[in-house]
Amino acid sequence: GQGSQYANMGRELAEREPAVAAVFAEADRVMEPILGRPLTSYLFVDAGDPTAVEQAEQALMQTAITQPAVLTMDTAVCRLLAEYGLTPDMVMGHSLGEYGALVAAGVLPFAHALEAAAARGREMTRVSLGDNGWLAAVMAPLAVVEETLAQIDGYVVPANINARGQCVIGGEGEAVARAIQAFGKQGYPAQRLPVSHAFHTRIVAPAAEPLRKVLDRLSISPPSRPLVANATADFYPSDSEAIKDLLVRQIASPVQWVAGLEKLYASGVRAFVEVGPKRALKGFVDDVLGDREGVVSLFTNRPQPKELSAFNQALCGLYAAGYGIRE
């Protein structure tokens, strides 16, 4: 999801793997009319030029650019895994990553998912209130988070329920600031996140109706493989209107990541592969399911030391676990 982006993400893989290059080329074709220039012109810069890298990092902090860029990386890595005989039995995506999961599940064509992600990012950033809200990461169990927030004056709620001991809270700026202080007094680290709005709270709910209008003109198909929704931690329906309802609801609903992982595990999933830029979700899997027998968790990308090395390590881990072996 959003927050894992970095300058030149996917460039090394795109230079070596035609499947990755094709995804970035398609993203450029779709996004150039929307952004006014190719998406990769924001992403791919001279790594030896600190100014160019800084400009790329700044551009990638703009939600309208970040969301299609991360979706492109998610899809590129997913398609590269398929080139090596690795396709998912079930999928789930974190926040924006749900759109990558929709592509992997055949619900949205990649080009339409890009339009939806761009609209999602654009409409979220268009929400302009006196207080656009804050998000903060809290290293505390959910029960502690909920008990503490119940005592805070003002609107503040769990926005991402990521792991047993980690949650993102969101709401009115002053209320979140008071909550940060309250957690600190209890000995739980809490830190404001550098985002423009309090995503997955009612503050960004005004973005829902414009997103629905975009979704209404896109091609939506029943999932070709089970897909777990952020808003419900349950499998997506097959009805297109119900799918659009879920995506609209997702904007202002908390990401039920812990419950979603439990749903996948209960449905037989034992190998969890983080697909896309950097690594965050692997840690959540390890926290929630790390003590369960037979669970394998892997990530496929990191910018350092090299993207190719990280991908190859993921391949080795999957092959060693018995996945993707062709007869």
Protein backbone atom coordinates (compact mmCIF):
# COMPACT_ATOMS: atom_id res chain seq x y z
CA GLY A 1 0.00 0.00 0.00
CA GLN A 2 0.83 3.68 0.06
CA GLY A 3 3.93 4.56 2.07
CA SER A 4 6.21 1.88 0.62
CA GLN A 5 7.11 3.82 -2.53
CA TYR A 6 10.65 4.92 -3.38
CA ALA A 7 12.45 6.56 -6.31
CA ASN A 8 13.46 4.11 -9.08
CA MET A 9 11.27 1.33 -7.68
CA GLY A 10 11.03 -1.44 -10.23
CA ARG A 11 13.69 0.01 -12.51
CA GLU A 12 16.25 -2.75 -12.05
CA LEU A 13 13.63 -5.43 -12.60
CA ALA A 14 12.17 -3.60 -15.63
CA GLU A 15 15.62 -3.45 -17.25
CA ARG A 16 16.04 -7.22 -16.91
CA GLU A 17 12.55 -8.66 -17.16
CA PRO A 18 10.24 -8.00 -20.17
CA ALA A 19 7.14 -8.83 -18.11
CA VAL A 20 7.96 -6.00 -15.68
CA ALA A 21 8.86 -3.58 -18.48
CA ALA A 22 5.49 -4.30 -20.14
CA VAL A 23 3.58 -3.39 -16.97
CA PHE A 24 5.40 -0.07 -16.62
CA ALA A 25 4.86 0.67 -20.34
CA GLU A 26 1.12 0.05 -19.96
CA ALA A 27 1.05 2.29 -16.89
CA ASP A 28 2.71 5.07 -18.89
CA ARG A 29 0.11 4.78 -21.66
CA VAL A 30 -2.80 4.93 -19.21
CA MET A 31 -1.44 7.59 -16.88
CA GLU A 32 0.10 10.07 -19.34
CA PRO A 33 -3.29 11.61 -20.27
CA ILE A 34 -4.20 11.77 -16.57
CA LEU A 35 -0.90 13.11 -15.18
CA GLY A 36 0.26 15.04 -18.24
CA ARG A 37 3.43 12.97 -18.53
CA PRO A 38 4.41 9.29 -18.31
CA LEU A 39 4.26 7.75 -14.85
CA THR A 40 7.84 6.48 -15.13
CA SER A 41 9.07 10.05 -15.65
CA TYR A 42 8.23 10.60 -11.98
CA LEU A 43 9.74 7.27 -10.91
CA PHE A 44 12.87 6.57 -12.93
CA VAL A 45 15.69 9.07 -12.42
CA ASP A 46 19.49 9.13 -12.35
CA ALA A 47 20.37 7.45 -9.05
CA GLY A 48 23.67 9.34 -9.00
CA ASP A 49 21.96 12.73 -9.08
CA PRO A 50 20.84 13.63 -5.54
CA THR A 51 18.65 16.49 -6.81
CA ALA A 52 16.80 14.24 -9.24
CA VAL A 53 16.29 11.60 -6.57
CA GLU A 54 14.98 14.22 -4.14
CA GLN A 55 12.54 15.51 -6.77
CA ALA A 56 11.31 11.98 -7.44
CA GLU A 57 10.81 11.32 -3.74
CA GLN A 58 8.84 14.56 -3.41
CA ALA A 59 6.66 13.69 -6.40
CA LEU A 60 5.97 10.27 -4.92
CA MET A 61 4.60 11.92 -1.79
CA GLN A 62 1.70 13.28 -3.88
CA THR A 63 -1.13 10.81 -3.38
CA ALA A 64 -2.41 11.15 -6.96
CA ILE A 65 1.00 9.93 -8.20
CA THR A 66 1.79 7.53 -5.37
CA GLN A 67 -1.30 5.39 -5.73
CA PRO A 68 -0.95 4.45 -9.44
CA ALA A 69 2.83 4.10 -8.97
CA VAL A 70 2.54 1.61 -6.11
CA LEU A 71 -0.25 -0.26 -7.93
CA THR A 72 2.06 -0.57 -10.95
CA MET A 73 4.84 -2.02 -8.82
CA ASP A 74 2.42 -4.43 -7.13
CA THR A 75 1.18 -5.67 -10.50
CA ALA A 76 4.66 -5.87 -12.03
CA VAL A 77 6.00 -8.10 -9.25
CA CYS A 78 2.86 -10.25 -9.31
CA ARG A 79 3.27 -10.83 -13.05
CA LEU A 80 6.98 -11.53 -12.64
CA LEU A 81 6.18 -14.22 -10.08
CA ALA A 82 3.80 -15.77 -12.62
CA GLU A 83 6.67 -15.90 -15.13
CA TYR A 84 8.40 -18.25 -12.69
CA GLY A 85 5.35 -20.46 -12.20
CA LEU A 86 4.07 -18.80 -9.03
CA THR A 87 0.44 -17.71 -8.95
CA PRO A 88 -1.66 -17.11 -5.84
CA ASP A 89 -4.49 -19.30 -4.58
CA MET A 90 -5.97 -16.35 -2.65
CA VAL A 91 -5.14 -12.65 -2.43
CA MET A 92 -5.49 -9.69 -0.07
CA GLY A 93 -4.15 -6.15 -0.35
CA HIS A 94 -3.45 -3.51 2.30
CA SER A 95 -5.43 -0.29 1.72
CA LEU A 96 -4.33 0.89 -1.76
CA GLY A 97 -2.85 -2.61 -2.17
CA GLU A 98 -6.41 -3.93 -2.38
CA TYR A 99 -6.45 -2.61 -5.96
CA GLY A 100 -3.39 -4.72 -6.75
CA ALA A 101 -5.25 -7.68 -5.29
CA LEU A 102 -8.26 -6.85 -7.47
CA VAL A 103 -6.03 -7.05 -10.55
CA ALA A 104 -4.50 -10.34 -9.36
CA ALA A 105 -8.01 -11.73 -8.80
CA GLY A 106 -9.21 -10.69 -12.26
CA VAL A 107 -11.81 -8.26 -10.90
CA LEU A 108 -10.32 -5.21 -12.65
CA PRO A 109 -8.11 -5.04 -15.75
CA PHE A 110 -4.82 -3.35 -14.84
CA ALA A 111 -5.62 -0.27 -16.96
CA HIS A 112 -8.97 0.20 -15.21
CA ALA A 113 -7.40 -0.36 -11.79
CA LEU A 114 -4.93 2.43 -12.59
CA GLU A 115 -7.81 4.78 -13.38
CA ALA A 116 -9.56 3.80 -10.16
CA ALA A 117 -6.40 4.22 -8.06
CA ALA A 118 -5.68 7.61 -9.64
CA ALA A 119 -9.25 8.72 -8.94
CA ARG A 120 -9.05 7.39 -5.39
CA GLY A 121 -5.88 9.35 -4.73
CA ARG A 122 -7.17 12.47 -6.47
CA GLU A 123 -10.49 12.54 -4.63
CA MET A 124 -8.85 11.88 -1.26
CA THR A 125 -6.51 14.84 -1.72
CA ARG A 126 -9.41 17.04 -2.85
CA VAL A 127 -11.04 16.63 0.55
CA SER A 128 -10.34 20.03 2.07
CA LEU A 129 -11.60 20.75 5.55
CA GLY A 130 -10.46 23.04 8.30
CA ASP A 131 -8.83 19.91 9.71
CA ASN A 132 -7.82 17.16 7.26
CA GLY A 133 -6.90 14.95 10.20
CA TRP A 134 -3.85 13.05 11.35
CA LEU A 135 -2.73 9.45 11.32
CA ALA A 136 -0.38 8.00 13.93
CA ALA A 137 1.27 4.60 14.35
CA VAL A 138 0.86 3.11 17.82
CA MET A 139 2.87 0.16 19.14
CA ALA A 140 0.22 -1.27 21.44
CA PRO A 141 -2.31 -4.14 21.50
CA LEU A 142 -5.69 -3.34 19.94
CA ALA A 143 -7.48 -3.71 23.29
CA VAL A 144 -5.23 -1.02 24.79
CA VAL A 145 -5.72 1.19 21.73
CA GLU A 146 -9.51 0.94 21.91
CA GLU A 147 -9.60 1.50 25.67
CA THR A 148 -7.35 4.56 25.40
CA LEU A 149 -9.21 6.10 22.46
CA ALA A 150 -12.51 5.77 24.33
CA GLN A 151 -11.13 8.24 26.88
CA ILE A 152 -9.96 10.85 24.32
CA ASP A 153 -12.06 13.94 23.63
CA GLY A 154 -12.79 14.33 19.93
CA TYR A 155 -12.92 12.00 16.95
CA VAL A 156 -10.12 9.42 16.81
CA VAL A 157 -10.48 5.75 15.79
CA PRO A 158 -8.38 2.74 14.71
CA ALA A 159 -7.67 3.19 10.99
CA ASN A 160 -5.36 0.21 10.23
CA ILE A 161 -5.47 -2.83 12.51
CA ASN A 162 -2.18 -4.24 11.27
CA ALA A 163 -0.81 -6.64 13.88
CA ARG A 164 -1.27 -7.82 17.46
CA GLY A 165 0.90 -5.03 18.76
CA GLN A 166 0.67 -2.37 16.06
CA CYS A 167 -2.20 -0.15 14.97
CA VAL A 168 -2.62 3.08 13.05
CA ILE A 169 -5.08 5.54 14.54
CA GLY A 170 -6.71 8.43 12.72
CA GLY A 171 -9.07 11.31 13.23
CA GLU A 172 -9.17 15.01 14.09
CA GLY A 173 -5.68 16.46 14.49
CA GLU A 174 -6.09 17.64 18.08
CA ALA A 175 -7.72 14.37 19.13
CA VAL A 176 -4.91 12.31 17.61
CA ALA A 177 -2.34 14.57 19.29
CA ARG A 178 -4.02 13.95 22.65
CA ALA A 179 -4.06 10.23 21.96
CA ILE A 180 -0.32 10.24 21.14
CA GLN A 181 0.35 11.86 24.51
CA ALA A 182 -1.90 9.37 26.29
CA PHE A 183 -0.14 6.37 24.76
CA GLY A 184 3.25 7.87 25.63
CA LYS A 185 2.26 8.21 29.28
CA GLN A 186 1.36 4.51 29.27
CA GLY A 187 4.72 3.58 27.80
CA TYR A 188 3.47 2.76 24.30
CA PRO A 189 5.37 4.48 21.44
CA ALA A 190 3.11 6.53 19.17
CA GLN A 191 4.20 8.72 16.27
CA ARG A 192 2.37 10.89 13.76
CA LEU A 193 2.65 9.70 10.16
CA PRO A 194 3.56 12.13 7.34
CA VAL A 195 0.30 11.93 5.36
CA SER A 196 -2.01 14.63 4.01
CA HIS A 197 -5.28 13.26 5.39
CA ALA A 198 -6.65 10.84 7.97
CA PHE A 199 -7.23 7.98 5.55
CA HIS A 200 -9.67 5.19 6.48
CA THR A 201 -11.67 7.50 8.73
CA ARG A 202 -14.87 9.48 8.20
CA ILE A 203 -12.76 12.55 7.37
CA VAL A 204 -12.11 11.22 3.84
CA ALA A 205 -15.66 9.92 3.36
CA PRO A 206 -16.47 12.79 0.91
CA ALA A 207 -14.17 11.06 -1.60
CA ALA A 208 -16.50 8.07 -1.77
CA GLU A 209 -19.19 9.44 -4.09
CA PRO A 210 -16.79 10.71 -6.79
CA LEU A 211 -14.94 7.37 -6.67
CA ARG A 212 -18.22 5.51 -7.16
CA LYS A 213 -18.86 7.49 -10.36
CA VAL A 214 -15.47 6.39 -11.71
CA LEU A 215 -16.08 2.76 -10.71
CA ASP A 216 -19.46 2.81 -12.47
CA ARG A 217 -17.77 3.23 -15.86
CA LEU A 218 -15.07 0.60 -15.36
CA SER A 219 -15.14 -3.09 -16.23
CA ILE A 220 -15.69 -5.19 -13.09
CA SER A 221 -15.77 -9.00 -13.18
CA PRO A 222 -16.40 -11.67 -10.53
CA PRO A 223 -13.17 -12.70 -8.74
CA SER A 224 -11.32 -15.54 -10.47
CA ARG A 225 -9.76 -16.49 -7.11
CA PRO A 226 -10.82 -15.71 -3.53
CA LEU A 227 -10.07 -12.14 -2.50
CA VAL A 228 -10.35 -10.88 1.10
CA ALA A 229 -11.71 -7.34 1.60
CA ASN A 230 -10.14 -4.80 3.96
CA ALA A 231 -13.49 -3.49 5.17
CA THR A 232 -15.01 -6.85 6.15
CA ALA A 233 -12.10 -9.32 6.44
CA ASP A 234 -14.29 -11.64 4.39
CA PHE A 235 -14.25 -12.82 0.78
CA TYR A 236 -15.44 -10.49 -1.95
CA PRO A 237 -18.85 -11.16 -3.49
CA SER A 238 -19.25 -11.89 -7.21
CA ASP A 239 -21.86 -9.19 -7.90
CA SER A 240 -20.34 -6.10 -9.53
CA GLU A 241 -22.52 -3.63 -7.62
CA ALA A 242 -21.59 -5.25 -4.31
CA ILE A 243 -17.91 -5.08 -5.30
CA LYS A 244 -18.21 -1.35 -5.99
CA ASP A 245 -20.02 -0.89 -2.67
CA LEU A 246 -17.09 -2.52 -0.87
CA LEU A 247 -14.50 -0.33 -2.63
CA VAL A 248 -16.44 2.82 -1.78
CA ARG A 249 -16.85 1.66 1.81
CA GLN A 250 -13.12 0.91 2.04
CA ILE A 251 -12.15 4.60 1.83
CA ALA A 252 -13.54 5.50 5.25
CA SER A 253 -13.41 2.07 6.92
CA PRO A 254 -10.54 0.68 9.00
CA VAL A 255 -8.24 -1.84 7.34
CA GLN A 256 -9.04 -5.13 9.10
CA TRP A 257 -5.65 -6.68 8.37
CA VAL A 258 -5.37 -8.95 11.41
CA ALA A 259 -8.83 -10.40 10.84
CA GLY A 260 -8.05 -10.76 7.14
CA LEU A 261 -4.91 -12.79 7.86
CA GLU A 262 -6.90 -15.00 10.20
CA LYS A 263 -9.48 -15.50 7.43
CA LEU A 264 -6.78 -16.58 4.96
CA TYR A 265 -5.21 -18.94 7.49
CA ALA A 266 -8.57 -20.49 8.35
CA SER A 267 -9.14 -20.99 4.62
CA GLY A 268 -5.95 -23.04 4.27
CA VAL A 269 -3.32 -20.47 3.32
CA ARG A 270 0.12 -21.24 4.74
CA ALA A 271 2.51 -19.31 2.47
CA PHE A 272 2.14 -15.52 2.60
CA VAL A 273 4.07 -13.58 -0.04
CA GLU A 274 4.30 -9.78 0.14
CA VAL A 275 4.12 -8.46 -3.42
CA GLY A 276 5.16 -4.88 -4.19
CA PRO A 277 7.64 -2.27 -2.98
CA LYS A 278 9.63 -2.72 0.25
CA ARG A 279 8.53 -4.94 3.13
CA ALA A 280 5.93 -4.27 5.78
CA LEU A 281 3.25 -6.92 5.45
CA LYS A 282 5.67 -9.79 6.13
CA GLY A 283 6.21 -8.35 9.58
CA PHE A 284 2.47 -8.25 10.20
CA VAL A 285 2.15 -11.90 9.13
CA ASP A 286 4.99 -12.88 11.46
CA ASP A 287 3.34 -11.04 14.35
CA VAL A 288 -0.14 -12.49 13.80
CA LEU A 289 0.63 -15.99 12.51
CA GLY A 290 4.31 -16.55 13.24
CA ASP A 291 3.62 -19.11 15.97
CA ARG A 292 1.38 -21.25 13.72
CA GLU A 293 2.76 -24.50 12.34
CA GLY A 294 3.67 -24.53 8.66
CA VAL A 295 3.42 -20.78 8.04
CA VAL A 296 5.93 -19.34 5.54
CA SER A 297 6.21 -15.56 5.06
CA LEU A 298 8.31 -13.89 2.38
CA PHE A 299 8.80 -10.46 0.81
CA THR A 300 9.76 -9.92 -2.84
CA ASN A 301 11.28 -6.45 -2.93
CA ARG A 302 13.60 -4.04 -1.18
CA PRO A 303 15.59 -1.17 -2.67
CA GLN A 304 18.83 -2.10 -0.91
CA PRO A 305 21.10 -3.75 -1.69
CA LYS A 306 19.36 -4.67 -4.96
CA GLU A 307 15.84 -5.40 -6.17
CA LEU A 308 17.03 -8.42 -8.13
CA SER A 309 18.63 -10.00 -5.07
CA ALA A 310 15.44 -9.61 -3.03
CA PHE A 311 13.30 -11.16 -5.76
CA ASN A 312 15.68 -14.08 -6.22
CA GLN A 313 15.67 -14.73 -2.48
CA ALA A 314 11.87 -14.86 -2.56
CA LEU A 315 11.99 -17.35 -5.43
CA CYS A 316 14.43 -19.52 -3.49
CA GLY A 317 12.20 -19.41 -0.41
CA LEU A 318 9.11 -20.38 -2.38
CA TYR A 319 10.85 -23.17 -4.26
CA ALA A 320 12.32 -24.50 -1.01
CA ALA A 321 8.81 -24.56 0.48
CA GLY A 322 7.62 -26.62 -2.47
CA TYR A 323 5.74 -23.93 -4.44
CA GLY A 324 6.02 -23.17 -8.13
CA ILE A 325 7.83 -26.37 -9.08
CA ARG A 326 6.94 -27.35 -12.60
CA GLU A 327 6.67 -31.04 -13.48
